[in-house]
Amino acid sequence: MEVLKTLQSLAIPDAWVAAGFVRNLVWDRLHDYQDSTPLHDVDVIYFAKNEPESEQKKFEKSLSQQLPTVNWQVKNQALMHERNGDRPYENCQDAMSFWPECETAVAVRLHNDKLEFLTAFGWESLFALQITYNPKRSWSTFIQRVEDKKWQTLWPKLKLQKS
């Protein structure tokens, strides 16, 4: 909650804590882990058209000043299509629909002090302990991520799904 409250306090447009922050928590609980798997970083996504890329770093700096124990990674999804070679994204949910695995395309935020959730593919596969390939990305990128992140070692009940 501290992470979500810190993000909410900055009032970044359409901002969400995404990816492993949510995904790992679900997988940890479904594996009956008493402690949460450590996060390398906390991914914050937001959507602001016509904003310079430098704003991302300003948001990261502000978040780090408020909660310095967290490695914040802030990305404006309105700009990410350029890096990924995709058509322009319409919003955060649309941007997440291009992520290599479906279960990572999940996010949460505090809005008016209430939890709100966002997903590009639904919740079923995440709670079914799957890692599902998203055909909008290459199979090799997907497999490389699965291997590099060692998800099936960290969470041995996970099942790989082609689609």
N, C-alpha and C. Protein backbone atom coordinates (compact mmCIF):
# COMPACT_ATOMS: atom_id res chain seq x y z
N MET A 1 0.83 -1.20 0.00
CA MET A 1 0.00 0.00 0.00
C MET A 1 0.87 1.26 0.00
N GLU A 2 2.03 1.16 0.61
CA GLU A 2 2.91 2.33 0.65
C GLU A 2 3.31 2.76 -0.76
N VAL A 3 3.61 1.80 -1.62
CA VAL A 3 3.96 2.09 -3.01
C VAL A 3 2.79 2.76 -3.71
N LEU A 4 1.60 2.21 -3.53
CA LEU A 4 0.42 2.76 -4.20
C LEU A 4 0.08 4.16 -3.69
N LYS A 5 0.22 4.38 -2.40
CA LYS A 5 -0.05 5.71 -1.83
C LYS A 5 0.97 6.72 -2.33
N THR A 6 2.21 6.30 -2.44
CA THR A 6 3.25 7.20 -2.95
C THR A 6 2.95 7.61 -4.38
N LEU A 7 2.57 6.64 -5.21
CA LEU A 7 2.23 6.95 -6.60
C LEU A 7 1.01 7.87 -6.65
N GLN A 8 0.00 7.57 -5.88
CA GLN A 8 -1.22 8.40 -5.88
C GLN A 8 -0.91 9.85 -5.51
N SER A 9 0.03 10.04 -4.62
CA SER A 9 0.33 11.40 -4.14
C SER A 9 0.90 12.30 -5.22
N LEU A 10 1.50 11.72 -6.25
CA LEU A 10 2.08 12.54 -7.32
C LEU A 10 1.08 12.95 -8.38
N ALA A 11 -0.06 12.30 -8.43
CA ALA A 11 -1.10 12.63 -9.41
C ALA A 11 -0.57 12.60 -10.85
N ILE A 12 0.21 11.58 -11.17
CA ILE A 12 0.68 11.38 -12.54
C ILE A 12 -0.53 10.95 -13.38
N PRO A 13 -0.67 11.49 -14.60
CA PRO A 13 -1.86 11.16 -15.39
C PRO A 13 -1.96 9.68 -15.73
N ASP A 14 -3.09 9.09 -15.41
CA ASP A 14 -3.40 7.70 -15.74
C ASP A 14 -2.27 6.76 -15.33
N ALA A 15 -1.76 6.91 -14.10
CA ALA A 15 -0.61 6.12 -13.64
C ALA A 15 -1.04 4.85 -12.91
N TRP A 16 -0.28 3.78 -13.14
CA TRP A 16 -0.54 2.46 -12.58
C TRP A 16 0.77 1.83 -12.15
N VAL A 17 0.74 1.00 -11.12
CA VAL A 17 1.85 0.12 -10.80
C VAL A 17 1.54 -1.19 -11.51
N ALA A 18 2.46 -1.63 -12.34
CA ALA A 18 2.15 -2.73 -13.25
C ALA A 18 3.15 -3.87 -13.14
N ALA A 19 2.86 -4.89 -13.92
CA ALA A 19 3.75 -6.02 -14.18
C ALA A 19 4.02 -6.85 -12.93
N GLY A 20 5.30 -7.05 -12.61
CA GLY A 20 5.69 -7.95 -11.54
C GLY A 20 5.14 -7.59 -10.18
N PHE A 21 4.89 -6.34 -9.93
CA PHE A 21 4.34 -5.91 -8.65
C PHE A 21 3.03 -6.65 -8.36
N VAL A 22 2.20 -6.81 -9.37
CA VAL A 22 0.92 -7.51 -9.22
C VAL A 22 1.10 -9.00 -9.48
N ARG A 23 1.71 -9.31 -10.61
CA ARG A 23 1.87 -10.71 -11.02
C ARG A 23 2.57 -11.54 -9.96
N ASN A 24 3.70 -11.07 -9.45
CA ASN A 24 4.47 -11.83 -8.47
C ASN A 24 3.68 -12.04 -7.18
N LEU A 25 2.94 -11.05 -6.77
CA LEU A 25 2.14 -11.18 -5.55
C LEU A 25 1.12 -12.31 -5.70
N VAL A 26 0.47 -12.37 -6.85
CA VAL A 26 -0.52 -13.42 -7.11
C VAL A 26 0.17 -14.78 -7.11
N TRP A 27 1.26 -14.91 -7.85
CA TRP A 27 1.96 -16.19 -7.92
C TRP A 27 2.51 -16.60 -6.55
N ASP A 28 3.01 -15.64 -5.78
CA ASP A 28 3.50 -15.95 -4.43
C ASP A 28 2.38 -16.54 -3.57
N ARG A 29 1.24 -15.91 -3.60
CA ARG A 29 0.11 -16.39 -2.77
C ARG A 29 -0.38 -17.76 -3.23
N LEU A 30 -0.41 -17.97 -4.54
CA LEU A 30 -0.86 -19.26 -5.07
C LEU A 30 0.16 -20.38 -4.83
N HIS A 31 1.38 -20.01 -4.50
CA HIS A 31 2.41 -20.98 -4.13
C HIS A 31 2.54 -21.08 -2.61
N ASP A 32 1.67 -20.40 -1.89
CA ASP A 32 1.67 -20.41 -0.42
C ASP A 32 2.98 -19.92 0.18
N TYR A 33 3.64 -18.99 -0.50
CA TYR A 33 4.87 -18.40 0.04
C TYR A 33 4.48 -17.44 1.16
N GLN A 34 5.19 -17.53 2.27
CA GLN A 34 4.92 -16.65 3.41
C GLN A 34 5.44 -15.24 3.15
N ASP A 35 6.57 -15.16 2.45
CA ASP A 35 7.18 -13.87 2.12
C ASP A 35 7.02 -13.61 0.62
N SER A 36 6.98 -12.36 0.27
CA SER A 36 6.88 -12.00 -1.15
C SER A 36 8.24 -12.17 -1.82
N THR A 37 8.21 -12.61 -3.05
CA THR A 37 9.42 -12.70 -3.85
C THR A 37 9.95 -11.28 -4.07
N PRO A 38 11.23 -11.07 -3.83
CA PRO A 38 11.78 -9.71 -3.99
C PRO A 38 11.61 -9.19 -5.42
N LEU A 39 11.33 -7.92 -5.52
CA LEU A 39 11.19 -7.26 -6.81
C LEU A 39 12.48 -6.53 -7.15
N HIS A 40 12.92 -6.67 -8.39
CA HIS A 40 14.08 -5.91 -8.85
C HIS A 40 13.72 -4.43 -8.97
N ASP A 41 12.49 -4.18 -9.42
CA ASP A 41 12.03 -2.80 -9.57
C ASP A 41 10.51 -2.77 -9.48
N VAL A 42 9.99 -1.56 -9.39
CA VAL A 42 8.55 -1.35 -9.41
C VAL A 42 8.26 -0.55 -10.67
N ASP A 43 7.50 -1.19 -11.56
CA ASP A 43 7.17 -0.57 -12.85
C ASP A 43 5.94 0.31 -12.72
N VAL A 44 6.11 1.57 -13.07
CA VAL A 44 4.99 2.51 -13.11
C VAL A 44 4.76 2.86 -14.57
N ILE A 45 3.54 2.67 -15.01
CA ILE A 45 3.17 3.07 -16.37
C ILE A 45 2.14 4.19 -16.27
N TYR A 46 2.18 5.05 -17.26
CA TYR A 46 1.17 6.10 -17.34
C TYR A 46 1.01 6.47 -18.80
N PHE A 47 0.02 7.29 -19.07
CA PHE A 47 -0.26 7.65 -20.46
C PHE A 47 -0.48 9.16 -20.55
N ALA A 48 0.45 9.83 -21.25
CA ALA A 48 0.34 11.28 -21.44
C ALA A 48 0.88 11.62 -22.83
N LYS A 49 -0.03 11.89 -23.75
CA LYS A 49 0.36 12.26 -25.11
C LYS A 49 1.07 13.61 -25.09
N ASN A 50 1.95 13.80 -26.06
CA ASN A 50 2.65 15.06 -26.27
C ASN A 50 3.47 15.51 -25.07
N GLU A 51 3.96 14.57 -24.33
CA GLU A 51 4.80 14.89 -23.18
C GLU A 51 6.23 14.47 -23.50
N PRO A 52 7.22 15.31 -23.20
CA PRO A 52 8.60 14.92 -23.49
C PRO A 52 9.05 13.73 -22.65
N GLU A 53 9.94 12.94 -23.23
CA GLU A 53 10.44 11.75 -22.55
C GLU A 53 11.10 12.08 -21.21
N SER A 54 11.64 13.27 -21.10
CA SER A 54 12.32 13.68 -19.86
C SER A 54 11.39 13.68 -18.64
N GLU A 55 10.09 13.78 -18.86
CA GLU A 55 9.14 13.78 -17.74
C GLU A 55 9.18 12.47 -16.97
N GLN A 56 9.44 11.37 -17.67
CA GLN A 56 9.52 10.06 -17.00
C GLN A 56 10.55 10.09 -15.89
N LYS A 57 11.72 10.65 -16.19
CA LYS A 57 12.81 10.72 -15.21
C LYS A 57 12.45 11.64 -14.05
N LYS A 58 11.74 12.72 -14.34
CA LYS A 58 11.30 13.61 -13.26
C LYS A 58 10.35 12.88 -12.31
N PHE A 59 9.44 12.09 -12.87
CA PHE A 59 8.52 11.31 -12.04
C PHE A 59 9.29 10.28 -11.21
N GLU A 60 10.25 9.61 -11.85
CA GLU A 60 11.07 8.63 -11.12
C GLU A 60 11.79 9.29 -9.95
N LYS A 61 12.36 10.45 -10.20
CA LYS A 61 13.09 11.17 -9.15
C LYS A 61 12.17 11.56 -8.00
N SER A 62 10.99 12.04 -8.33
CA SER A 62 10.02 12.42 -7.29
C SER A 62 9.59 11.21 -6.47
N LEU A 63 9.33 10.10 -7.14
CA LEU A 63 8.95 8.88 -6.43
C LEU A 63 10.09 8.40 -5.54
N SER A 64 11.31 8.46 -6.06
CA SER A 64 12.47 8.02 -5.29
C SER A 64 12.73 8.90 -4.07
N GLN A 65 12.43 10.16 -4.20
CA GLN A 65 12.59 11.06 -3.05
C GLN A 65 11.58 10.73 -1.96
N GLN A 66 10.38 10.37 -2.36
CA GLN A 66 9.35 10.04 -1.38
C GLN A 66 9.51 8.66 -0.79
N LEU A 67 9.97 7.70 -1.60
CA LEU A 67 10.13 6.32 -1.14
C LEU A 67 11.44 5.77 -1.73
N PRO A 68 12.57 6.13 -1.10
CA PRO A 68 13.87 5.79 -1.67
C PRO A 68 14.26 4.32 -1.61
N THR A 69 13.53 3.51 -0.89
CA THR A 69 13.86 2.08 -0.80
C THR A 69 13.38 1.30 -2.03
N VAL A 70 12.66 1.96 -2.92
CA VAL A 70 12.10 1.31 -4.10
C VAL A 70 12.87 1.74 -5.34
N ASN A 71 13.17 0.78 -6.21
CA ASN A 71 13.79 1.06 -7.50
C ASN A 71 12.65 1.31 -8.50
N TRP A 72 12.29 2.56 -8.67
CA TRP A 72 11.17 2.94 -9.53
C TRP A 72 11.60 2.94 -10.98
N GLN A 73 10.76 2.40 -11.85
CA GLN A 73 10.95 2.45 -13.30
C GLN A 73 9.67 3.03 -13.90
N VAL A 74 9.74 4.24 -14.42
CA VAL A 74 8.55 4.93 -14.90
C VAL A 74 8.61 5.05 -16.42
N LYS A 75 7.51 4.63 -17.08
CA LYS A 75 7.46 4.68 -18.55
C LYS A 75 6.12 5.24 -19.01
N ASN A 76 6.19 6.28 -19.83
CA ASN A 76 5.01 6.84 -20.46
C ASN A 76 4.64 5.96 -21.65
N GLN A 77 3.54 5.26 -21.54
CA GLN A 77 3.13 4.32 -22.59
C GLN A 77 2.76 5.02 -23.89
N ALA A 78 2.50 6.30 -23.85
CA ALA A 78 2.22 7.05 -25.08
C ALA A 78 3.46 7.14 -25.97
N LEU A 79 4.63 6.90 -25.39
CA LEU A 79 5.89 6.95 -26.15
C LEU A 79 6.46 5.58 -26.49
N MET A 80 6.03 4.56 -25.81
CA MET A 80 6.68 3.25 -25.91
C MET A 80 6.49 2.56 -27.26
N HIS A 81 5.46 2.92 -28.00
CA HIS A 81 5.27 2.29 -29.31
C HIS A 81 6.47 2.56 -30.24
N GLU A 82 7.11 3.72 -30.07
CA GLU A 82 8.26 4.06 -30.91
C GLU A 82 9.40 3.09 -30.67
N ARG A 83 9.70 2.82 -29.40
CA ARG A 83 10.78 1.90 -29.05
C ARG A 83 10.47 0.48 -29.52
N ASN A 84 9.18 0.10 -29.47
CA ASN A 84 8.77 -1.27 -29.77
C ASN A 84 8.41 -1.51 -31.23
N GLY A 85 8.35 -0.44 -32.03
CA GLY A 85 8.01 -0.59 -33.43
C GLY A 85 6.55 -0.94 -33.68
N ASP A 86 5.67 -0.47 -32.81
CA ASP A 86 4.24 -0.74 -32.93
C ASP A 86 3.51 0.51 -33.41
N ARG A 87 2.24 0.34 -33.72
CA ARG A 87 1.39 1.50 -33.98
C ARG A 87 1.25 2.27 -32.66
N PRO A 88 0.89 3.54 -32.69
CA PRO A 88 0.71 4.28 -31.43
C PRO A 88 -0.35 3.61 -30.54
N TYR A 89 -0.05 3.56 -29.27
CA TYR A 89 -0.98 2.99 -28.30
C TYR A 89 -2.06 4.02 -27.96
N GLU A 90 -3.23 3.52 -27.63
CA GLU A 90 -4.36 4.39 -27.31
C GLU A 90 -4.42 4.77 -25.84
N ASN A 91 -3.94 3.89 -24.97
CA ASN A 91 -3.99 4.10 -23.53
C ASN A 91 -3.11 3.03 -22.87
N CYS A 92 -3.06 3.01 -21.56
CA CYS A 92 -2.22 2.03 -20.86
C CYS A 92 -2.66 0.60 -21.13
N GLN A 93 -3.95 0.37 -21.14
CA GLN A 93 -4.44 -0.99 -21.37
C GLN A 93 -4.05 -1.47 -22.77
N ASP A 94 -4.18 -0.62 -23.75
CA ASP A 94 -3.79 -0.98 -25.11
C ASP A 94 -2.28 -1.25 -25.16
N ALA A 95 -1.49 -0.43 -24.52
CA ALA A 95 -0.04 -0.64 -24.50
C ALA A 95 0.31 -1.99 -23.88
N MET A 96 -0.35 -2.34 -22.78
CA MET A 96 -0.09 -3.62 -22.12
C MET A 96 -0.46 -4.79 -23.02
N SER A 97 -1.37 -4.59 -23.95
CA SER A 97 -1.78 -5.69 -24.84
C SER A 97 -0.67 -6.10 -25.80
N PHE A 98 0.44 -5.37 -25.80
CA PHE A 98 1.59 -5.69 -26.63
C PHE A 98 2.73 -6.32 -25.82
N TRP A 99 2.56 -6.48 -24.53
CA TRP A 99 3.62 -7.05 -23.69
C TRP A 99 3.80 -8.53 -24.01
N PRO A 100 5.02 -9.07 -23.90
CA PRO A 100 5.31 -10.42 -24.37
C PRO A 100 4.52 -11.55 -23.72
N GLU A 101 4.16 -11.43 -22.46
CA GLU A 101 3.37 -12.47 -21.82
C GLU A 101 2.13 -11.84 -21.20
N CYS A 102 1.04 -12.54 -21.32
CA CYS A 102 -0.26 -12.00 -20.92
C CYS A 102 -0.36 -11.72 -19.42
N GLU A 103 0.25 -12.55 -18.61
CA GLU A 103 0.11 -12.44 -17.15
C GLU A 103 0.86 -11.24 -16.57
N THR A 104 1.76 -10.66 -17.33
CA THR A 104 2.47 -9.46 -16.90
C THR A 104 1.64 -8.21 -17.17
N ALA A 105 0.68 -8.29 -18.06
CA ALA A 105 -0.13 -7.15 -18.48
C ALA A 105 -1.26 -6.88 -17.48
N VAL A 106 -0.84 -6.63 -16.23
CA VAL A 106 -1.77 -6.35 -15.13
C VAL A 106 -1.25 -5.15 -14.36
N ALA A 107 -2.17 -4.40 -13.77
CA ALA A 107 -1.77 -3.19 -13.05
C ALA A 107 -2.78 -2.87 -11.96
N VAL A 108 -2.34 -2.05 -11.03
CA VAL A 108 -3.18 -1.61 -9.92
C VAL A 108 -2.81 -0.16 -9.58
N ARG A 109 -3.77 0.54 -9.02
CA ARG A 109 -3.50 1.89 -8.53
C ARG A 109 -4.51 2.22 -7.44
N LEU A 110 -4.19 3.25 -6.69
CA LEU A 110 -5.15 3.85 -5.77
C LEU A 110 -5.72 5.06 -6.48
N HIS A 111 -7.02 5.13 -6.56
CA HIS A 111 -7.69 6.27 -7.17
C HIS A 111 -8.80 6.68 -6.21
N ASN A 112 -8.72 7.90 -5.72
CA ASN A 112 -9.65 8.35 -4.68
C ASN A 112 -9.65 7.37 -3.50
N ASP A 113 -8.45 6.90 -3.17
CA ASP A 113 -8.21 5.98 -2.05
C ASP A 113 -8.91 4.63 -2.19
N LYS A 114 -9.24 4.25 -3.41
CA LYS A 114 -9.81 2.93 -3.67
C LYS A 114 -8.93 2.21 -4.68
N LEU A 115 -8.76 0.90 -4.49
CA LEU A 115 -7.97 0.12 -5.43
C LEU A 115 -8.72 -0.02 -6.76
N GLU A 116 -7.99 0.20 -7.84
CA GLU A 116 -8.51 -0.05 -9.18
C GLU A 116 -7.53 -0.98 -9.88
N PHE A 117 -8.05 -1.88 -10.67
CA PHE A 117 -7.23 -2.86 -11.36
C PHE A 117 -7.42 -2.73 -12.87
N LEU A 118 -6.36 -3.05 -13.61
CA LEU A 118 -6.37 -2.96 -15.06
C LEU A 118 -5.66 -4.19 -15.61
N THR A 119 -6.22 -4.76 -16.64
CA THR A 119 -5.58 -5.89 -17.31
C THR A 119 -5.88 -5.82 -18.80
N ALA A 120 -4.94 -6.31 -19.58
CA ALA A 120 -5.14 -6.34 -21.03
C ALA A 120 -5.76 -7.66 -21.49
N PHE A 121 -5.61 -8.72 -20.69
CA PHE A 121 -6.04 -10.05 -21.12
C PHE A 121 -6.96 -10.74 -20.12
N GLY A 122 -7.37 -10.07 -19.10
CA GLY A 122 -8.18 -10.71 -18.07
C GLY A 122 -7.30 -11.32 -16.99
N TRP A 123 -7.94 -11.93 -16.03
CA TRP A 123 -7.24 -12.42 -14.84
C TRP A 123 -7.13 -13.95 -14.79
N GLU A 124 -7.90 -14.63 -15.61
CA GLU A 124 -8.02 -16.08 -15.50
C GLU A 124 -6.67 -16.79 -15.60
N SER A 125 -5.86 -16.48 -16.60
CA SER A 125 -4.60 -17.19 -16.78
C SER A 125 -3.60 -16.88 -15.66
N LEU A 126 -3.63 -15.66 -15.15
CA LEU A 126 -2.75 -15.31 -14.03
C LEU A 126 -3.06 -16.19 -12.82
N PHE A 127 -4.35 -16.32 -12.49
CA PHE A 127 -4.75 -17.12 -11.34
C PHE A 127 -4.70 -18.62 -11.63
N ALA A 128 -4.58 -18.99 -12.90
CA ALA A 128 -4.43 -20.40 -13.27
C ALA A 128 -2.95 -20.81 -13.33
N LEU A 129 -2.07 -19.89 -12.90
CA LEU A 129 -0.63 -20.16 -12.85
C LEU A 129 -0.06 -20.48 -14.23
N GLN A 130 -0.42 -19.68 -15.19
CA GLN A 130 0.08 -19.83 -16.55
C GLN A 130 1.04 -18.71 -16.90
N ILE A 131 1.90 -18.99 -17.86
CA ILE A 131 2.71 -17.96 -18.53
C ILE A 131 2.34 -18.09 -20.00
N THR A 132 1.59 -17.13 -20.50
CA THR A 132 1.00 -17.25 -21.82
C THR A 132 1.67 -16.32 -22.82
N TYR A 133 2.10 -16.88 -23.92
CA TYR A 133 2.72 -16.14 -25.02
C TYR A 133 1.70 -15.20 -25.66
N ASN A 134 2.13 -13.96 -25.89
CA ASN A 134 1.32 -12.99 -26.61
C ASN A 134 1.83 -12.93 -28.06
N PRO A 135 1.01 -13.35 -29.03
CA PRO A 135 1.48 -13.39 -30.43
C PRO A 135 1.79 -12.02 -31.04
N LYS A 136 1.56 -10.93 -30.32
CA LYS A 136 1.98 -9.61 -30.82
C LYS A 136 3.48 -9.42 -30.70
N ARG A 137 4.15 -10.33 -30.02
CA ARG A 137 5.61 -10.30 -29.87
C ARG A 137 6.19 -11.61 -30.40
N SER A 138 7.47 -11.65 -30.59
CA SER A 138 8.08 -12.86 -31.12
C SER A 138 8.15 -13.94 -30.05
N TRP A 139 8.06 -15.18 -30.52
CA TRP A 139 8.18 -16.33 -29.63
C TRP A 139 9.54 -16.32 -28.94
N SER A 140 10.59 -15.97 -29.67
CA SER A 140 11.93 -15.97 -29.09
C SER A 140 12.06 -14.94 -27.96
N THR A 141 11.43 -13.78 -28.12
CA THR A 141 11.43 -12.77 -27.04
C THR A 141 10.73 -13.32 -25.81
N PHE A 142 9.60 -13.95 -26.02
CA PHE A 142 8.84 -14.54 -24.92
C PHE A 142 9.66 -15.59 -24.18
N ILE A 143 10.22 -16.54 -24.92
CA ILE A 143 10.99 -17.63 -24.31
C ILE A 143 12.22 -17.07 -23.59
N GLN A 144 12.87 -16.11 -24.20
CA GLN A 144 14.06 -15.50 -23.57
C GLN A 144 13.70 -14.87 -22.23
N ARG A 145 12.57 -14.18 -22.17
CA ARG A 145 12.12 -13.57 -20.91
C ARG A 145 11.82 -14.63 -19.86
N VAL A 146 11.13 -15.67 -20.26
CA VAL A 146 10.79 -16.75 -19.32
C VAL A 146 12.07 -17.36 -18.75
N GLU A 147 13.05 -17.61 -19.61
CA GLU A 147 14.31 -18.21 -19.16
C GLU A 147 15.13 -17.24 -18.32
N ASP A 148 15.26 -16.00 -18.77
CA ASP A 148 16.07 -15.01 -18.04
C ASP A 148 15.51 -14.73 -16.65
N LYS A 149 14.21 -14.66 -16.55
CA LYS A 149 13.58 -14.32 -15.27
C LYS A 149 13.40 -15.52 -14.35
N LYS A 150 13.63 -16.72 -14.90
CA LYS A 150 13.58 -17.95 -14.10
C LYS A 150 12.25 -18.13 -13.35
N TRP A 151 11.17 -17.75 -14.02
CA TRP A 151 9.86 -17.81 -13.38
C TRP A 151 9.49 -19.22 -12.96
N GLN A 152 9.78 -20.21 -13.81
CA GLN A 152 9.38 -21.58 -13.49
C GLN A 152 10.24 -22.19 -12.38
N THR A 153 11.38 -21.60 -12.12
CA THR A 153 12.18 -22.01 -10.96
C THR A 153 11.63 -21.35 -9.70
N LEU A 154 11.34 -20.06 -9.79
CA LEU A 154 10.79 -19.34 -8.63
C LEU A 154 9.39 -19.83 -8.26
N TRP A 155 8.58 -20.13 -9.27
CA TRP A 155 7.21 -20.58 -9.05
C TRP A 155 7.01 -21.88 -9.84
N PRO A 156 7.37 -23.03 -9.26
CA PRO A 156 7.39 -24.29 -10.01
C PRO A 156 6.03 -24.79 -10.50
N LYS A 157 4.94 -24.24 -10.01
CA LYS A 157 3.61 -24.68 -10.48
C LYS A 157 3.22 -24.02 -11.81
N LEU A 158 4.01 -23.06 -12.28
CA LEU A 158 3.66 -22.35 -13.51
C LEU A 158 3.71 -23.26 -14.72
N LYS A 159 2.75 -23.04 -15.62
CA LYS A 159 2.66 -23.81 -16.86
C LYS A 159 2.79 -22.86 -18.04
N LEU A 160 3.64 -23.22 -18.99
CA LEU A 160 3.85 -22.43 -20.18
C LEU A 160 2.71 -22.67 -21.16
N GLN A 161 2.16 -21.60 -21.75
CA GLN A 161 1.06 -21.70 -22.71
C GLN A 161 1.45 -20.95 -23.98
N LYS A 162 1.25 -21.60 -25.11
CA LYS A 162 1.57 -20.94 -26.40
C LYS A 162 0.53 -19.87 -26.71
N SER A 163 -0.73 -20.07 -26.40
CA SER A 163 -1.75 -19.03 -26.58
C SER A 163 -3.05 -19.46 -25.94
